[in-house]
């Protein structure tokens, strides 16, 4: 093969997703990976947490990408059977002064489009977690799943999980499979290569 239309360097989550989209659009694609296996470099070393966009500057590119990206990622995981856990995020005020900070965090998050935050009492927050929260005062913000008994003491909004965890290996495998089937290959890949 002397020529190829597209070369993607790196077979991590991003490289595989880009290669798959190019192949889906009818391009001939080769993915190059220096490591012995796919996704064993950067993709395997990230936190594997999908962030809600709570803290980024309002209107920033990062805030917009977090909010729209998490929606797309939930949909992608659901459509392709990729396991994930809706773990939510509990931000705790330990003093009355921090309660005001929590309200500012919530307002900032809502300005970014994070719409599933709730204010909980200290006792309601303690009920949500397995480890003790000793110094939790009357106001806590939660983003994510809330048990029914805690929901009764929270604001009337029903939460939609914001923060999620999924493993990079679970994300890579379906991308690899869909890339291989995105377009009939023009040549068979070499053994253990892309």
Protein backbone atom coordinates (compact mmCIF):
# COMPACT_ATOMS: atom_id res chain seq x y z
CA UNK A 1 0.00 0.00 0.00
CA UNK A 2 1.72 3.20 -1.20
CA UNK A 3 -1.02 5.65 -0.32
CA UNK A 4 -3.83 5.92 2.16
CA UNK A 5 -6.47 8.62 2.51
CA UNK A 6 -6.26 9.07 6.28
CA UNK A 7 -3.80 8.15 8.99
CA UNK A 8 -4.81 8.43 12.62
CA UNK A 9 -1.95 8.38 15.11
CA UNK A 10 -2.95 6.78 18.39
CA UNK A 11 -5.43 3.99 19.10
CA UNK A 12 -6.91 5.38 22.29
CA UNK A 13 -10.52 6.39 22.78
CA UNK A 14 -10.15 9.60 20.74
CA UNK A 15 -8.06 8.05 17.95
CA UNK A 16 -10.46 5.15 17.54
CA UNK A 17 -13.49 7.46 17.55
CA UNK A 18 -11.94 9.72 14.90
CA UNK A 19 -10.88 6.75 12.77
CA UNK A 20 -14.31 5.18 13.04
CA UNK A 21 -16.02 8.39 11.95
CA UNK A 22 -13.66 8.80 8.98
CA UNK A 23 -14.25 5.18 7.95
CA UNK A 24 -18.00 5.62 8.38
CA UNK A 25 -17.81 8.49 5.91
CA UNK A 26 -16.15 6.22 3.36
CA UNK A 27 -12.51 7.12 3.92
CA UNK A 28 -9.71 4.59 3.85
CA UNK A 29 -8.14 4.76 7.31
CA UNK A 30 -5.06 3.34 8.97
CA UNK A 31 -4.62 3.68 12.72
CA UNK A 32 -1.05 3.72 13.98
CA UNK A 33 -0.28 2.82 17.57
CA UNK A 34 3.17 2.70 19.11
CA UNK A 35 2.16 0.69 22.17
CA UNK A 36 1.53 -3.04 22.21
CA UNK A 37 -2.22 -2.70 22.65
CA UNK A 38 -4.99 -0.24 21.95
CA UNK A 39 -5.73 2.41 24.54
CA UNK A 40 -2.83 1.51 26.80
CA UNK A 41 -1.24 4.96 26.91
CA UNK A 42 -3.21 8.15 27.69
CA UNK A 43 -6.70 6.60 27.55
CA UNK A 44 -5.78 4.10 30.24
CA UNK A 45 -4.41 6.78 32.55
CA UNK A 46 -7.29 9.23 32.77
CA UNK A 47 -9.55 9.49 35.80
CA UNK A 48 -12.41 7.75 33.95
CA UNK A 49 -14.80 10.32 35.43
CA UNK A 50 -17.09 12.22 33.10
CA UNK A 51 -17.30 15.69 34.60
CA UNK A 52 -20.49 17.69 34.88
CA UNK A 53 -19.10 21.14 34.03
CA UNK A 54 -19.71 22.59 37.48
CA UNK A 55 -16.50 24.56 37.99
CA UNK A 56 -15.43 25.74 34.52
CA UNK A 57 -15.85 29.45 33.68
CA UNK A 58 -19.42 30.21 32.60
CA UNK A 59 -19.86 30.03 28.85
CA UNK A 60 -16.36 28.63 28.33
CA UNK A 61 -15.59 25.98 25.74
CA UNK A 62 -14.83 23.47 28.53
CA UNK A 63 -18.15 24.12 30.27
CA UNK A 64 -20.10 23.73 27.02
CA UNK A 65 -18.24 20.55 26.08
CA UNK A 66 -18.76 19.00 29.52
CA UNK A 67 -22.49 19.62 29.50
CA UNK A 68 -23.15 18.55 25.90
CA UNK A 69 -20.52 15.81 26.01
CA UNK A 70 -21.96 14.08 29.06
CA UNK A 71 -25.38 13.89 27.37
CA UNK A 72 -23.81 12.44 24.22
CA UNK A 73 -21.71 10.03 26.26
CA UNK A 74 -24.67 8.69 28.25
CA UNK A 75 -26.52 8.13 24.98
CA UNK A 76 -23.47 6.47 23.40
CA UNK A 77 -23.01 4.14 26.38
CA UNK A 78 -26.69 3.21 26.41
CA UNK A 79 -26.80 2.58 22.65
CA UNK A 80 -23.72 0.35 22.69
CA UNK A 81 -24.12 -1.47 25.98
CA UNK A 82 -21.11 0.18 27.60
CA UNK A 83 -21.32 -0.13 31.38
CA UNK A 84 -21.13 2.99 33.52
CA UNK A 85 -22.11 4.07 36.98
CA UNK A 86 -24.13 7.20 37.79
CA UNK A 87 -22.26 8.09 40.93
CA UNK A 88 -23.17 11.75 41.25
CA UNK A 89 -21.16 14.28 43.20
CA UNK A 90 -21.76 15.47 46.72
CA UNK A 91 -20.32 18.88 47.61
CA UNK A 92 -20.43 19.37 51.36
CA UNK A 93 -20.52 22.56 53.41
CA UNK A 94 -18.87 22.02 56.79
CA UNK A 95 -19.59 25.50 58.19
CA UNK A 96 -22.41 28.03 57.76
CA UNK A 97 -20.00 30.23 55.78
CA UNK A 98 -19.46 27.43 53.28
CA UNK A 99 -23.22 27.18 52.74
CA UNK A 100 -23.12 30.52 50.92
CA UNK A 101 -20.25 29.20 48.79
CA UNK A 102 -22.35 26.18 47.86
CA UNK A 103 -25.12 28.44 46.63
CA UNK A 104 -22.56 30.31 44.51
CA UNK A 105 -21.27 26.99 43.11
CA UNK A 106 -24.82 25.95 42.28
CA UNK A 107 -25.56 29.28 40.53
CA UNK A 108 -22.32 29.00 38.56
CA UNK A 109 -23.11 25.40 37.55
CA UNK A 110 -26.61 26.36 36.45
CA UNK A 111 -25.13 29.19 34.36
CA UNK A 112 -23.08 26.47 32.65
CA UNK A 113 -26.21 24.43 31.92
CA UNK A 114 -25.87 21.90 34.76
CA UNK A 115 -29.54 21.61 35.63
CA UNK A 116 -29.70 18.64 37.98
CA UNK A 117 -28.31 20.02 41.23
CA UNK A 118 -30.24 20.00 44.49
CA UNK A 119 -29.78 21.55 47.89
CA UNK A 120 -29.97 19.00 50.69
CA UNK A 121 -29.97 19.28 54.44
CA UNK A 122 -27.02 17.89 56.40
CA UNK A 123 -29.01 14.83 57.56
CA UNK A 124 -30.21 14.11 54.01
CA UNK A 125 -26.63 14.27 52.73
CA UNK A 126 -25.42 11.94 55.49
CA UNK A 127 -28.08 9.44 54.44
CA UNK A 128 -26.67 9.28 50.90
CA UNK A 129 -23.13 8.19 51.70
CA UNK A 130 -21.67 5.09 53.27
CA UNK A 131 -18.77 6.88 54.96
CA UNK A 132 -19.57 9.31 57.76
CA UNK A 133 -19.84 13.05 57.12
CA UNK A 134 -19.37 14.41 60.60
CA UNK A 135 -19.15 18.13 59.92
CA UNK A 136 -21.95 18.59 57.40
CA UNK A 137 -24.12 21.61 58.10
CA UNK A 138 -27.56 22.40 56.79
CA UNK A 139 -26.85 22.90 53.10
CA UNK A 140 -25.31 20.44 50.69
CA UNK A 141 -25.50 20.24 46.95
CA UNK A 142 -25.81 16.92 45.22
CA UNK A 143 -25.60 16.12 41.57
CA UNK A 144 -26.61 12.61 40.66
CA UNK A 145 -28.85 9.87 41.96
CA UNK A 146 -30.71 10.57 45.18
CA UNK A 147 -32.50 7.93 47.26
CA UNK A 148 -36.22 8.47 47.72
CA UNK A 149 -36.01 9.26 51.44
CA UNK A 150 -33.33 11.91 50.86
CA UNK A 151 -35.28 13.34 47.95
CA UNK A 152 -38.15 14.18 50.26
CA UNK A 153 -35.97 16.71 52.12
CA UNK A 154 -34.44 18.14 48.95
CA UNK A 155 -35.74 20.66 46.47
CA UNK A 156 -38.66 19.41 44.39
CA UNK A 157 -36.62 18.85 41.23
CA UNK A 158 -35.95 15.26 40.22
CA UNK A 159 -32.25 14.68 39.64
CA UNK A 160 -30.80 13.41 36.41
CA UNK A 161 -27.35 11.92 37.07
CA UNK A 162 -24.55 14.25 36.08
CA UNK A 163 -21.25 12.77 37.12
CA UNK A 164 -20.54 9.28 35.83
CA UNK A 165 -17.71 6.76 35.85
CA UNK A 166 -16.88 4.32 33.06
CA UNK A 167 -13.65 2.48 32.34
CA UNK A 168 -11.57 3.38 29.31
CA UNK A 169 -11.37 -0.32 28.38
CA UNK A 170 -15.17 -0.49 28.25
CA UNK A 171 -15.17 2.58 26.00
CA UNK A 172 -12.42 1.35 23.65
CA UNK A 173 -13.67 -2.15 22.81
CA UNK A 174 -16.91 -1.12 21.05
CA UNK A 175 -15.05 1.63 19.16
CA UNK A 176 -12.52 -0.88 17.93
CA UNK A 177 -15.25 -3.26 16.78
CA UNK A 178 -17.26 -0.54 15.03
CA UNK A 179 -14.13 0.77 13.34
CA UNK A 180 -13.37 -2.66 11.90
CA UNK A 181 -16.94 -2.91 10.57
CA UNK A 182 -17.39 0.71 9.46
CA UNK A 183 -16.33 -0.02 5.90
CA UNK A 184 -15.33 -3.20 4.12
CA UNK A 185 -11.52 -3.43 4.37
CA UNK A 186 -9.44 -3.08 1.23
CA UNK A 187 -6.73 -5.26 2.74
CA UNK A 188 -6.50 -7.45 5.81
CA UNK A 189 -4.68 -5.88 8.75
CA UNK A 190 -1.38 -7.41 9.74
CA UNK A 191 -1.46 -9.68 12.76
CA UNK A 192 -1.75 -7.70 16.03
CA UNK A 193 -1.66 -4.36 14.21
CA UNK A 194 -4.01 -1.69 13.03
